Amino acid sequence: MKTGCLFIGCLCILAFAVMPAQAFTSKTLSITLDEYGNAQVDYEYKLTFVEQAAVFVNIANPADELKAALENHFHREVTVTKADSSSVQVNIPSFAAIRKYDGQPAMMTPAFSFARAENELRRYWFAPLITPDLSPDVTTITFPDGYQVRFDNQISFPTVWHVLE
C-alpha cells in the first residue's frame, strides 16, 4: 500500500513539474467614458485553479491589486463597484481630460501600461512558477459620442485624443 501511495505521489510531483507554468491572463479591458471624463473600467481575466483557490481563501484579491495599481498610476481614488473571480469593474474619476478644439469639446485619455505590474509580479517568490499575461486580448476605449478605439494584445496604451461630435 505504501509503495502505491509513493508511486502516485511521484506521479503528481512529476505532473506538476512538467505542467506549463500559467497565471493570471487578461481577457478584455473596456473603458467607457462619460461626458465629464469619468471612466467605468470593466476588466475580465482568467485565473488558474490555484489562483482561484487563493482568491477563495483570501490570500490574493485581483480587485484590490488592480485598485491599488490604478490609484498609484493615476494618482486619484478608484472605486471598485463589482468584483468576482473573473472580472472587476472600477470607476476612475476625471480619467480623461476635456479641452476645446476649434470650439468643439475634445477628450484625451492618458497613456498607461500594465508592464510595471508584470514586472512587480516577477519579484514575488512564486515568479519562477508562473508566466502572467497582463496584455488584454482586446482593449476598447468608448467615448460619450460612441466613438471607439480598439487595441489588440497590447500591454501599453498611448494617449487617445478624440473630438466629440
N, C-alpha and C. Protein backbone atom coordinates (compact mmCIF):
# COMPACT_ATOMS: atom_id res chain seq x y z
N MET A 1 0.83 -1.19 0.00
CA MET A 1 0.00 0.00 0.00
C MET A 1 0.87 1.25 0.00
N LYS A 2 1.95 1.24 0.82
CA LYS A 2 2.83 2.40 0.88
C LYS A 2 3.51 2.63 -0.47
N THR A 3 3.85 1.58 -1.16
CA THR A 3 4.51 1.69 -2.46
C THR A 3 3.56 2.35 -3.46
N GLY A 4 2.29 1.99 -3.42
CA GLY A 4 1.29 2.57 -4.32
C GLY A 4 1.13 4.07 -4.07
N CYS A 5 1.06 4.48 -2.79
CA CYS A 5 0.94 5.91 -2.45
C CYS A 5 2.18 6.67 -2.88
N LEU A 6 3.34 6.07 -2.67
CA LEU A 6 4.59 6.71 -3.06
C LEU A 6 4.64 6.89 -4.58
N PHE A 7 4.20 5.86 -5.31
CA PHE A 7 4.19 5.93 -6.77
C PHE A 7 3.25 7.04 -7.25
N ILE A 8 2.05 7.12 -6.67
CA ILE A 8 1.08 8.15 -7.05
C ILE A 8 1.63 9.54 -6.69
N GLY A 9 2.26 9.66 -5.54
CA GLY A 9 2.86 10.93 -5.14
C GLY A 9 3.94 11.38 -6.11
N CYS A 10 4.78 10.43 -6.53
CA CYS A 10 5.83 10.75 -7.51
C CYS A 10 5.22 11.19 -8.84
N LEU A 11 4.15 10.52 -9.26
CA LEU A 11 3.48 10.91 -10.50
C LEU A 11 2.91 12.32 -10.40
N CYS A 12 2.34 12.66 -9.26
CA CYS A 12 1.79 14.01 -9.06
C CYS A 12 2.89 15.06 -9.12
N ILE A 13 4.00 14.79 -8.47
CA ILE A 13 5.13 15.74 -8.48
C ILE A 13 5.66 15.89 -9.90
N LEU A 14 5.77 14.79 -10.62
CA LEU A 14 6.23 14.84 -12.00
C LEU A 14 5.24 15.62 -12.87
N ALA A 15 3.96 15.40 -12.67
CA ALA A 15 2.94 16.12 -13.44
C ALA A 15 3.03 17.62 -13.21
N PHE A 16 3.20 18.05 -11.94
CA PHE A 16 3.33 19.47 -11.64
C PHE A 16 4.61 20.05 -12.22
N ALA A 17 5.65 19.24 -12.28
CA ALA A 17 6.94 19.71 -12.79
C ALA A 17 6.90 19.95 -14.30
N VAL A 18 6.13 19.16 -15.03
CA VAL A 18 6.09 19.31 -16.48
C VAL A 18 4.89 20.11 -16.97
N MET A 19 3.99 20.49 -16.07
CA MET A 19 2.86 21.31 -16.46
C MET A 19 3.36 22.67 -16.93
N PRO A 20 2.73 23.24 -17.95
CA PRO A 20 3.15 24.58 -18.36
C PRO A 20 2.83 25.57 -17.25
N ALA A 21 3.75 26.47 -17.02
CA ALA A 21 3.53 27.48 -15.98
C ALA A 21 2.54 28.51 -16.52
N GLN A 22 1.48 28.72 -15.79
CA GLN A 22 0.45 29.65 -16.20
C GLN A 22 0.09 30.53 -15.03
N ALA A 23 -0.55 31.61 -15.35
CA ALA A 23 -1.00 32.51 -14.30
C ALA A 23 -2.12 33.38 -14.83
N PHE A 24 -2.34 34.42 -14.11
CA PHE A 24 -3.33 35.43 -14.44
C PHE A 24 -3.23 35.79 -15.92
N THR A 25 -4.36 35.70 -16.63
CA THR A 25 -4.39 36.03 -18.05
C THR A 25 -5.47 37.08 -18.29
N SER A 26 -5.08 38.21 -18.86
CA SER A 26 -6.04 39.28 -19.18
C SER A 26 -6.84 38.89 -20.41
N LYS A 27 -8.13 39.12 -20.37
CA LYS A 27 -9.00 38.81 -21.50
C LYS A 27 -9.45 40.10 -22.19
N THR A 28 -10.28 40.90 -21.53
CA THR A 28 -10.77 42.14 -22.13
C THR A 28 -10.67 43.29 -21.13
N LEU A 29 -10.43 44.46 -21.69
CA LEU A 29 -10.41 45.70 -20.93
C LEU A 29 -11.28 46.68 -21.68
N SER A 30 -12.35 47.14 -21.04
CA SER A 30 -13.26 48.11 -21.66
C SER A 30 -13.29 49.36 -20.80
N ILE A 31 -13.00 50.48 -21.43
CA ILE A 31 -13.03 51.77 -20.74
C ILE A 31 -14.13 52.60 -21.40
N THR A 32 -15.16 52.93 -20.61
CA THR A 32 -16.27 53.71 -21.13
C THR A 32 -16.27 55.06 -20.43
N LEU A 33 -16.18 56.13 -21.24
CA LEU A 33 -16.10 57.48 -20.70
C LEU A 33 -17.46 58.15 -20.71
N ASP A 34 -17.74 58.93 -19.66
CA ASP A 34 -18.94 59.75 -19.67
C ASP A 34 -18.58 61.17 -20.13
N GLU A 35 -19.56 62.04 -20.23
CA GLU A 35 -19.32 63.39 -20.77
C GLU A 35 -18.42 64.25 -19.89
N TYR A 36 -18.17 63.82 -18.65
CA TYR A 36 -17.32 64.57 -17.73
C TYR A 36 -15.88 64.03 -17.68
N GLY A 37 -15.61 62.98 -18.45
CA GLY A 37 -14.27 62.39 -18.47
C GLY A 37 -14.06 61.28 -17.46
N ASN A 38 -15.12 60.95 -16.70
CA ASN A 38 -15.03 59.84 -15.75
C ASN A 38 -15.06 58.52 -16.53
N ALA A 39 -14.39 57.52 -16.01
CA ALA A 39 -14.32 56.23 -16.71
C ALA A 39 -14.90 55.11 -15.88
N GLN A 40 -15.66 54.26 -16.55
CA GLN A 40 -16.05 52.97 -15.97
C GLN A 40 -15.16 51.95 -16.67
N VAL A 41 -14.39 51.22 -15.89
CA VAL A 41 -13.44 50.26 -16.43
C VAL A 41 -13.93 48.86 -16.09
N ASP A 42 -14.13 48.05 -17.11
CA ASP A 42 -14.51 46.65 -16.95
C ASP A 42 -13.34 45.80 -17.42
N TYR A 43 -12.85 44.95 -16.52
CA TYR A 43 -11.64 44.16 -16.79
C TYR A 43 -11.97 42.70 -16.54
N GLU A 44 -11.85 41.89 -17.60
CA GLU A 44 -12.10 40.45 -17.48
C GLU A 44 -10.77 39.71 -17.57
N TYR A 45 -10.63 38.68 -16.75
CA TYR A 45 -9.38 37.93 -16.70
C TYR A 45 -9.70 36.47 -16.39
N LYS A 46 -8.68 35.65 -16.55
CA LYS A 46 -8.81 34.22 -16.27
C LYS A 46 -7.76 33.85 -15.24
N LEU A 47 -8.19 33.12 -14.23
CA LEU A 47 -7.29 32.64 -13.18
C LEU A 47 -7.12 31.14 -13.30
N THR A 48 -5.96 30.66 -12.93
CA THR A 48 -5.76 29.22 -12.86
C THR A 48 -6.49 28.68 -11.63
N PHE A 49 -6.58 27.39 -11.52
CA PHE A 49 -7.25 26.77 -10.38
C PHE A 49 -6.59 27.19 -9.06
N VAL A 50 -5.27 27.21 -9.04
CA VAL A 50 -4.55 27.59 -7.82
C VAL A 50 -4.84 29.03 -7.46
N GLU A 51 -4.86 29.92 -8.46
CA GLU A 51 -5.16 31.33 -8.20
C GLU A 51 -6.59 31.50 -7.71
N GLN A 52 -7.52 30.74 -8.29
CA GLN A 52 -8.91 30.81 -7.82
C GLN A 52 -9.00 30.38 -6.36
N ALA A 53 -8.24 29.36 -6.01
CA ALA A 53 -8.22 28.91 -4.61
C ALA A 53 -7.64 30.00 -3.72
N ALA A 54 -6.61 30.69 -4.17
CA ALA A 54 -6.01 31.78 -3.39
C ALA A 54 -7.00 32.91 -3.18
N VAL A 55 -7.79 33.21 -4.20
CA VAL A 55 -8.83 34.24 -4.07
C VAL A 55 -9.89 33.76 -3.08
N PHE A 56 -10.27 32.49 -3.20
CA PHE A 56 -11.31 31.94 -2.34
C PHE A 56 -10.94 32.02 -0.86
N VAL A 57 -9.70 31.72 -0.53
CA VAL A 57 -9.28 31.76 0.87
C VAL A 57 -8.68 33.11 1.26
N ASN A 58 -8.85 34.10 0.33
CA ASN A 58 -8.46 35.48 0.59
C ASN A 58 -6.96 35.69 0.75
N ILE A 59 -6.14 34.86 0.10
CA ILE A 59 -4.70 35.08 0.07
C ILE A 59 -4.39 36.19 -0.93
N ALA A 60 -5.13 36.19 -2.05
CA ALA A 60 -4.94 37.20 -3.08
C ALA A 60 -6.30 37.74 -3.49
N ASN A 61 -6.32 39.00 -3.92
CA ASN A 61 -7.55 39.60 -4.37
C ASN A 61 -7.24 40.48 -5.58
N PRO A 62 -7.55 39.99 -6.80
CA PRO A 62 -7.24 40.77 -8.00
C PRO A 62 -7.87 42.16 -8.00
N ALA A 63 -9.08 42.31 -7.45
CA ALA A 63 -9.73 43.61 -7.42
C ALA A 63 -8.93 44.61 -6.58
N ASP A 64 -8.45 44.17 -5.42
CA ASP A 64 -7.65 45.05 -4.56
C ASP A 64 -6.32 45.40 -5.23
N GLU A 65 -5.71 44.42 -5.89
CA GLU A 65 -4.44 44.67 -6.56
C GLU A 65 -4.61 45.66 -7.71
N LEU A 66 -5.70 45.49 -8.50
CA LEU A 66 -5.95 46.40 -9.61
C LEU A 66 -6.26 47.80 -9.08
N LYS A 67 -7.07 47.90 -8.05
CA LYS A 67 -7.40 49.19 -7.44
C LYS A 67 -6.13 49.92 -6.99
N ALA A 68 -5.27 49.22 -6.28
CA ALA A 68 -4.02 49.83 -5.80
C ALA A 68 -3.13 50.26 -6.96
N ALA A 69 -3.02 49.43 -7.98
CA ALA A 69 -2.18 49.77 -9.13
C ALA A 69 -2.72 50.99 -9.87
N LEU A 70 -4.04 51.04 -10.06
CA LEU A 70 -4.64 52.18 -10.76
C LEU A 70 -4.51 53.47 -9.95
N GLU A 71 -4.73 53.39 -8.65
CA GLU A 71 -4.59 54.58 -7.80
C GLU A 71 -3.15 55.08 -7.81
N ASN A 72 -2.21 54.16 -7.78
CA ASN A 72 -0.80 54.54 -7.81
C ASN A 72 -0.42 55.18 -9.15
N HIS A 73 -0.95 54.63 -10.22
CA HIS A 73 -0.60 55.12 -11.55
C HIS A 73 -1.27 56.46 -11.87
N PHE A 74 -2.58 56.58 -11.57
CA PHE A 74 -3.32 57.78 -11.95
C PHE A 74 -3.40 58.83 -10.84
N HIS A 75 -2.90 58.50 -9.66
CA HIS A 75 -2.85 59.44 -8.54
C HIS A 75 -4.24 60.00 -8.20
N ARG A 76 -5.22 59.13 -8.18
CA ARG A 76 -6.57 59.52 -7.75
C ARG A 76 -7.28 58.28 -7.22
N GLU A 77 -8.29 58.52 -6.43
CA GLU A 77 -9.03 57.41 -5.82
C GLU A 77 -9.84 56.67 -6.88
N VAL A 78 -9.82 55.36 -6.78
CA VAL A 78 -10.55 54.47 -7.68
C VAL A 78 -11.56 53.70 -6.84
N THR A 79 -12.77 53.56 -7.37
CA THR A 79 -13.82 52.85 -6.65
C THR A 79 -14.12 51.52 -7.33
N VAL A 80 -14.00 50.43 -6.59
CA VAL A 80 -14.38 49.11 -7.12
C VAL A 80 -15.88 48.97 -6.93
N THR A 81 -16.62 48.79 -8.03
CA THR A 81 -18.07 48.68 -7.95
C THR A 81 -18.56 47.23 -8.06
N LYS A 82 -17.71 46.37 -8.63
CA LYS A 82 -18.09 44.96 -8.75
C LYS A 82 -16.81 44.15 -8.91
N ALA A 83 -16.78 42.99 -8.28
CA ALA A 83 -15.62 42.11 -8.43
C ALA A 83 -16.03 40.67 -8.18
N ASP A 84 -15.49 39.77 -8.99
CA ASP A 84 -15.68 38.34 -8.77
C ASP A 84 -14.41 37.63 -9.23
N SER A 85 -14.46 36.33 -9.37
CA SER A 85 -13.24 35.57 -9.68
C SER A 85 -12.79 35.69 -11.13
N SER A 86 -13.58 36.38 -11.97
CA SER A 86 -13.17 36.51 -13.37
C SER A 86 -13.27 37.93 -13.92
N SER A 87 -13.71 38.88 -13.09
CA SER A 87 -13.81 40.25 -13.59
C SER A 87 -13.86 41.25 -12.44
N VAL A 88 -13.56 42.48 -12.80
CA VAL A 88 -13.66 43.58 -11.84
C VAL A 88 -14.13 44.81 -12.61
N GLN A 89 -14.94 45.60 -11.94
CA GLN A 89 -15.40 46.86 -12.52
C GLN A 89 -15.01 47.97 -11.56
N VAL A 90 -14.36 49.01 -12.09
CA VAL A 90 -13.95 50.14 -11.27
C VAL A 90 -14.35 51.44 -11.95
N ASN A 91 -14.51 52.47 -11.14
CA ASN A 91 -14.77 53.81 -11.65
C ASN A 91 -13.57 54.68 -11.34
N ILE A 92 -13.13 55.44 -12.34
CA ILE A 92 -12.00 56.34 -12.18
C ILE A 92 -12.48 57.75 -12.50
N PRO A 93 -12.55 58.63 -11.51
CA PRO A 93 -12.99 60.00 -11.78
C PRO A 93 -11.94 60.77 -12.58
N SER A 94 -12.41 61.64 -13.46
CA SER A 94 -11.54 62.52 -14.25
C SER A 94 -10.43 61.75 -14.97
N PHE A 95 -10.78 60.61 -15.53
CA PHE A 95 -9.80 59.79 -16.25
C PHE A 95 -9.32 60.52 -17.50
N ALA A 96 -10.26 61.08 -18.26
CA ALA A 96 -9.92 61.78 -19.50
C ALA A 96 -9.97 63.29 -19.26
N ALA A 97 -9.03 63.98 -19.88
CA ALA A 97 -9.02 65.45 -19.82
C ALA A 97 -9.98 65.97 -20.90
N ILE A 98 -10.69 67.05 -20.59
CA ILE A 98 -11.62 67.65 -21.54
C ILE A 98 -11.07 69.02 -21.94
N ARG A 99 -10.97 69.25 -23.23
CA ARG A 99 -10.46 70.50 -23.78
C ARG A 99 -11.37 70.93 -24.94
N LYS A 100 -11.13 72.12 -25.44
CA LYS A 100 -11.84 72.60 -26.63
C LYS A 100 -10.89 72.52 -27.82
N TYR A 101 -11.41 72.09 -28.96
CA TYR A 101 -10.64 72.04 -30.19
C TYR A 101 -11.52 72.63 -31.29
N ASP A 102 -11.14 73.78 -31.80
CA ASP A 102 -11.96 74.51 -32.79
C ASP A 102 -13.39 74.69 -32.29
N GLY A 103 -13.53 75.00 -31.03
CA GLY A 103 -14.85 75.24 -30.45
C GLY A 103 -15.62 73.99 -30.07
N GLN A 104 -15.10 72.85 -30.41
CA GLN A 104 -15.75 71.57 -30.09
C GLN A 104 -15.10 70.96 -28.85
N PRO A 105 -15.90 70.28 -28.01
CA PRO A 105 -15.28 69.58 -26.88
C PRO A 105 -14.48 68.38 -27.38
N ALA A 106 -13.34 68.17 -26.75
CA ALA A 106 -12.49 67.03 -27.11
C ALA A 106 -12.03 66.36 -25.82
N MET A 107 -11.75 65.07 -25.91
CA MET A 107 -11.27 64.30 -24.75
C MET A 107 -9.93 63.68 -25.08
N MET A 108 -9.10 63.62 -24.05
CA MET A 108 -7.79 63.00 -24.19
C MET A 108 -7.60 62.03 -23.02
N THR A 109 -7.41 60.77 -23.36
CA THR A 109 -7.16 59.76 -22.32
C THR A 109 -5.66 59.71 -22.05
N PRO A 110 -5.27 59.35 -20.84
CA PRO A 110 -3.84 59.26 -20.55
C PRO A 110 -3.26 57.97 -21.12
N ALA A 111 -1.97 58.01 -21.38
CA ALA A 111 -1.25 56.79 -21.75
C ALA A 111 -1.10 55.96 -20.47
N PHE A 112 -1.14 54.65 -20.61
CA PHE A 112 -0.96 53.78 -19.44
C PHE A 112 -0.43 52.43 -19.90
N SER A 113 0.11 51.70 -18.93
CA SER A 113 0.73 50.42 -19.25
C SER A 113 0.59 49.45 -18.08
N PHE A 114 0.50 48.16 -18.42
CA PHE A 114 0.48 47.11 -17.40
C PHE A 114 1.87 46.48 -17.25
N ALA A 115 2.85 47.00 -17.97
CA ALA A 115 4.21 46.43 -17.92
C ALA A 115 4.79 46.50 -16.52
N ARG A 116 4.54 47.59 -15.82
CA ARG A 116 5.07 47.73 -14.46
C ARG A 116 4.49 46.67 -13.53
N ALA A 117 3.20 46.41 -13.68
CA ALA A 117 2.54 45.38 -12.86
C ALA A 117 3.14 44.00 -13.16
N GLU A 118 3.41 43.74 -14.43
CA GLU A 118 4.02 42.47 -14.80
C GLU A 118 5.40 42.35 -14.15
N ASN A 119 6.15 43.43 -14.15
CA ASN A 119 7.48 43.42 -13.51
C ASN A 119 7.37 43.21 -12.01
N GLU A 120 6.35 43.79 -11.38
CA GLU A 120 6.14 43.61 -9.94
C GLU A 120 5.87 42.14 -9.62
N LEU A 121 5.09 41.48 -10.48
CA LEU A 121 4.80 40.06 -10.26
C LEU A 121 6.07 39.22 -10.28
N ARG A 122 7.04 39.63 -11.06
CA ARG A 122 8.30 38.87 -11.17
C ARG A 122 9.14 38.94 -9.90
N ARG A 123 8.78 39.84 -8.99
CA ARG A 123 9.54 40.00 -7.75
C ARG A 123 9.07 39.06 -6.65
N TYR A 124 7.91 38.43 -6.83
CA TYR A 124 7.38 37.54 -5.80
C TYR A 124 8.12 36.20 -5.81
N TRP A 125 8.06 35.49 -4.69
CA TRP A 125 8.75 34.21 -4.54
C TRP A 125 8.28 33.17 -5.54
N PHE A 126 7.02 33.26 -5.96
CA PHE A 126 6.46 32.26 -6.86
C PHE A 126 6.67 32.61 -8.34
N ALA A 127 7.37 33.69 -8.62
CA ALA A 127 7.57 34.15 -10.00
C ALA A 127 8.11 33.08 -10.95
N PRO A 128 9.07 32.24 -10.54
CA PRO A 128 9.57 31.23 -11.48
C PRO A 128 8.50 30.20 -11.87
N LEU A 129 7.42 30.13 -11.13
CA LEU A 129 6.39 29.13 -11.39
C LEU A 129 5.28 29.61 -12.31
N ILE A 130 5.27 30.92 -12.63
CA ILE A 130 4.15 31.46 -13.40
C ILE A 130 4.65 32.28 -14.59
N THR A 131 3.75 32.45 -15.55
CA THR A 131 4.01 33.35 -16.67
C THR A 131 2.75 34.18 -16.88
N PRO A 132 2.60 35.27 -16.14
CA PRO A 132 1.39 36.10 -16.27
C PRO A 132 1.33 36.81 -17.62
N ASP A 133 0.13 36.99 -18.11
CA ASP A 133 -0.09 37.73 -19.35
C ASP A 133 -1.04 38.87 -19.04
N LEU A 134 -0.50 40.06 -18.86
CA LEU A 134 -1.32 41.21 -18.50
C LEU A 134 -1.71 42.05 -19.70
N SER A 135 -1.41 41.59 -20.90
CA SER A 135 -1.85 42.32 -22.09
C SER A 135 -3.22 41.77 -22.51
N PRO A 136 -4.26 42.58 -22.35
CA PRO A 136 -5.61 42.10 -22.70
C PRO A 136 -5.70 41.69 -24.17
N ASP A 137 -6.49 40.66 -24.43
CA ASP A 137 -6.72 40.24 -25.81
C ASP A 137 -7.31 41.40 -26.61
N VAL A 138 -8.30 42.08 -26.01
CA VAL A 138 -8.95 43.21 -26.66
C VAL A 138 -9.14 44.32 -25.63
N THR A 139 -8.74 45.53 -26.00
CA THR A 139 -8.97 46.71 -25.17
C THR A 139 -9.76 47.71 -26.01
N THR A 140 -10.85 48.23 -25.44
CA THR A 140 -11.62 49.24 -26.15
C THR A 140 -11.80 50.46 -25.24
N ILE A 141 -11.70 51.62 -25.86
CA ILE A 141 -12.00 52.87 -25.18
C ILE A 141 -13.18 53.46 -25.93
N THR A 142 -14.29 53.69 -25.21
CA THR A 142 -15.51 54.21 -25.82
C THR A 142 -15.77 55.61 -25.28
N PHE A 143 -15.89 56.56 -26.20
CA PHE A 143 -16.14 57.95 -25.85
C PHE A 143 -17.65 58.18 -25.75
N PRO A 144 -18.08 59.29 -25.11
CA PRO A 144 -19.52 59.52 -24.90
C PRO A 144 -20.35 59.57 -26.18
N ASP A 145 -19.73 59.95 -27.31
CA ASP A 145 -20.47 60.01 -28.57
C ASP A 145 -20.50 58.67 -29.31
N GLY A 146 -19.96 57.61 -28.68
CA GLY A 146 -19.98 56.28 -29.28
C GLY A 146 -18.72 55.91 -30.04
N TYR A 147 -17.85 56.86 -30.28
CA TYR A 147 -16.60 56.58 -30.98
C TYR A 147 -15.76 55.61 -30.15
N GLN A 148 -15.18 54.60 -30.81
CA GLN A 148 -14.38 53.60 -30.11
C GLN A 148 -12.99 53.49 -30.71
N VAL A 149 -12.04 53.22 -29.84
CA VAL A 149 -10.68 52.90 -30.24
C VAL A 149 -10.40 51.51 -29.71
N ARG A 150 -9.79 50.67 -30.55
CA ARG A 150 -9.55 49.27 -30.16
C ARG A 150 -8.06 48.96 -30.28
N PHE A 151 -7.57 48.21 -29.29
CA PHE A 151 -6.19 47.72 -29.30
C PHE A 151 -6.25 46.21 -29.08
N ASP A 152 -5.41 45.47 -29.80
CA ASP A 152 -5.35 44.01 -29.67
C ASP A 152 -4.00 43.59 -29.09
N ASN A 153 -4.07 42.79 -28.02
CA ASN A 153 -2.88 42.20 -27.41
C ASN A 153 -1.76 43.19 -27.13
N GLN A 154 -2.11 44.31 -26.52
CA GLN A 154 -1.12 45.32 -26.16
C GLN A 154 -1.04 45.43 -24.64
N ILE A 155 0.17 45.67 -24.14
CA ILE A 155 0.35 45.84 -22.70
C ILE A 155 0.44 47.33 -22.34
N SER A 156 0.78 48.16 -23.33
CA SER A 156 0.88 49.61 -23.13
C SER A 156 -0.04 50.31 -24.12
N PHE A 157 -0.61 51.44 -23.67
CA PHE A 157 -1.60 52.14 -24.48
C PHE A 157 -1.23 53.62 -24.59
N PRO A 158 -1.30 54.16 -25.79
CA PRO A 158 -0.94 55.56 -25.97
C PRO A 158 -2.08 56.49 -25.54
N THR A 159 -1.77 57.76 -25.47
CA THR A 159 -2.80 58.77 -25.26
C THR A 159 -3.73 58.74 -26.46
N VAL A 160 -5.03 58.81 -26.20
CA VAL A 160 -6.01 58.84 -27.29
C VAL A 160 -6.73 60.19 -27.22
N TRP A 161 -6.76 60.88 -28.35
CA TRP A 161 -7.37 62.20 -28.46
C TRP A 161 -8.55 62.09 -29.40
N HIS A 162 -9.73 62.59 -28.99
CA HIS A 162 -10.92 62.50 -29.83
C HIS A 162 -11.78 63.74 -29.66
N VAL A 163 -12.15 64.36 -30.78
CA VAL A 163 -13.06 65.50 -30.78
C VAL A 163 -14.48 64.92 -30.80
N LEU A 164 -15.27 65.29 -29.80
CA LEU A 164 -16.63 64.76 -29.66
C LEU A 164 -17.56 65.36 -30.71
N GLU A 165 -18.46 64.55 -31.18
CA GLU A 165 -19.45 65.02 -32.19
C GLU A 165 -20.78 65.25 -31.53
